[in-house]
């Protein structure tokens, strides 16, 4: 099982996941943003939870920008994605809560 952690190298939560899953591949979404196909697939899985509305990136958007289609927002502002997004090509999780930790560490 090849794990990929998608997030930001400066994100504390992503760093925790990287430390806990040392064999996983890390992909910084600022330098390698999600493709249109990936955004569509992850939107199917996570829906509105894919957008991190608690982030400073979200708060810095104007009210008009916040109403733009989520796919367009994620394409223009990759840091809006809730992180980390961890996938093994068959399963994907969002965040690093105890439930996600148990899933990937077992």
Protein backbone atom coordinates (compact mmCIF):
# COMPACT_ATOMS: atom_id res chain seq x y z
CA UNK A 1 0.00 0.00 0.00
CA UNK A 2 1.53 3.29 -1.14
CA UNK A 3 0.27 6.23 0.87
CA UNK A 4 0.29 9.79 -0.36
CA UNK A 5 -0.12 12.71 2.02
CA UNK A 6 -1.28 15.88 0.30
CA UNK A 7 -0.97 19.15 2.15
CA UNK A 8 1.36 22.02 2.88
CA UNK A 9 4.91 21.59 4.12
CA UNK A 10 4.32 24.46 6.57
CA UNK A 11 1.13 22.93 8.03
CA UNK A 12 1.62 21.57 11.56
CA UNK A 13 -1.09 18.95 11.12
CA UNK A 14 0.52 17.74 7.89
CA UNK A 15 3.88 17.51 9.66
CA UNK A 16 2.31 15.33 12.36
CA UNK A 17 0.90 12.99 9.71
CA UNK A 18 4.26 12.87 7.91
CA UNK A 19 6.06 11.96 11.15
CA UNK A 20 3.50 9.26 11.94
CA UNK A 21 3.59 7.82 8.42
CA UNK A 22 7.29 7.97 7.45
CA UNK A 23 6.89 5.63 4.44
CA UNK A 24 4.24 7.85 2.84
CA UNK A 25 4.99 10.15 -0.07
CA UNK A 26 4.35 13.82 0.65
CA UNK A 27 2.95 16.14 -2.00
CA UNK A 28 2.92 19.88 -1.33
CA UNK A 29 -0.26 21.17 -2.97
CA UNK A 30 1.24 24.63 -3.46
CA UNK A 31 3.97 23.32 -5.73
CA UNK A 32 1.94 20.41 -7.16
CA UNK A 33 -1.73 21.47 -7.03
CA UNK A 34 -4.52 18.98 -7.44
CA UNK A 35 -5.42 18.27 -11.05
CA UNK A 36 -8.96 18.90 -12.28
CA UNK A 37 -9.61 15.15 -12.17
CA UNK A 38 -8.31 14.89 -8.59
CA UNK A 39 -10.40 17.87 -7.47
CA UNK A 40 -13.50 16.28 -9.00
CA UNK A 41 -12.79 12.88 -7.44
CA UNK A 42 -12.08 14.29 -3.99
CA UNK A 43 -15.13 16.56 -4.20
CA UNK A 44 -17.21 13.41 -4.86
CA UNK A 45 -15.80 11.83 -1.70
CA UNK A 46 -15.67 14.78 0.69
CA UNK A 47 -18.03 17.38 -0.77
CA UNK A 48 -18.00 20.73 0.97
CA UNK A 49 -15.61 19.46 3.66
CA UNK A 50 -12.78 19.68 1.10
CA UNK A 51 -12.74 23.48 1.52
CA UNK A 52 -11.13 24.68 4.75
CA UNK A 53 -13.34 27.59 5.74
CA UNK A 54 -11.39 28.10 8.98
CA UNK A 55 -8.15 28.89 7.15
CA UNK A 56 -6.53 32.28 6.83
CA UNK A 57 -6.66 31.82 3.05
CA UNK A 58 -10.48 31.60 3.25
CA UNK A 59 -10.74 34.58 5.58
CA UNK A 60 -8.61 36.67 3.21
CA UNK A 61 -10.99 36.06 0.31
CA UNK A 62 -13.60 38.71 -0.41
CA UNK A 63 -17.25 37.73 0.09
CA UNK A 64 -17.58 37.65 -3.70
CA UNK A 65 -14.61 35.30 -4.05
CA UNK A 66 -16.08 32.99 -1.41
CA UNK A 67 -19.09 32.38 -3.66
CA UNK A 68 -16.98 31.16 -6.61
CA UNK A 69 -17.41 27.48 -7.54
CA UNK A 70 -15.33 25.26 -5.22
CA UNK A 71 -13.42 23.67 -8.10
CA UNK A 72 -12.33 27.09 -9.33
CA UNK A 73 -11.43 28.20 -5.80
CA UNK A 74 -9.23 25.15 -5.23
CA UNK A 75 -7.57 25.62 -8.62
CA UNK A 76 -6.79 29.27 -7.84
CA UNK A 77 -6.02 28.81 -4.11
CA UNK A 78 -4.67 25.29 -3.43
CA UNK A 79 -4.12 26.15 0.25
CA UNK A 80 -7.91 26.23 0.70
CA UNK A 81 -7.96 22.43 0.75
CA UNK A 82 -8.50 20.94 4.19
CA UNK A 83 -5.40 19.04 5.13
CA UNK A 84 -3.90 16.60 5.19
CA UNK A 85 -5.62 14.58 2.51
CA UNK A 86 -4.25 11.05 2.72
CA UNK A 87 -4.91 8.43 0.08
CA UNK A 88 -3.75 4.97 -0.91
CA UNK A 89 -5.57 5.06 -4.28
CA UNK A 90 -8.57 3.15 -2.93
CA UNK A 91 -9.33 5.05 0.27
CA UNK A 92 -8.99 8.71 1.14
CA UNK A 93 -9.28 10.61 4.40
CA UNK A 94 -9.28 14.28 5.22
CA UNK A 95 -7.69 15.65 8.37
CA UNK A 96 -5.62 14.00 11.09
CA UNK A 97 -8.09 13.18 13.83
CA UNK A 98 -7.80 10.12 16.07
CA UNK A 99 -10.15 8.25 13.68
CA UNK A 100 -7.92 8.95 10.67
CA UNK A 101 -4.82 8.11 12.69
CA UNK A 102 -6.29 4.77 13.69
CA UNK A 103 -7.21 3.98 10.09
CA UNK A 104 -3.73 4.63 8.68
CA UNK A 105 -1.64 3.43 11.62
CA UNK A 106 -3.34 0.04 12.04
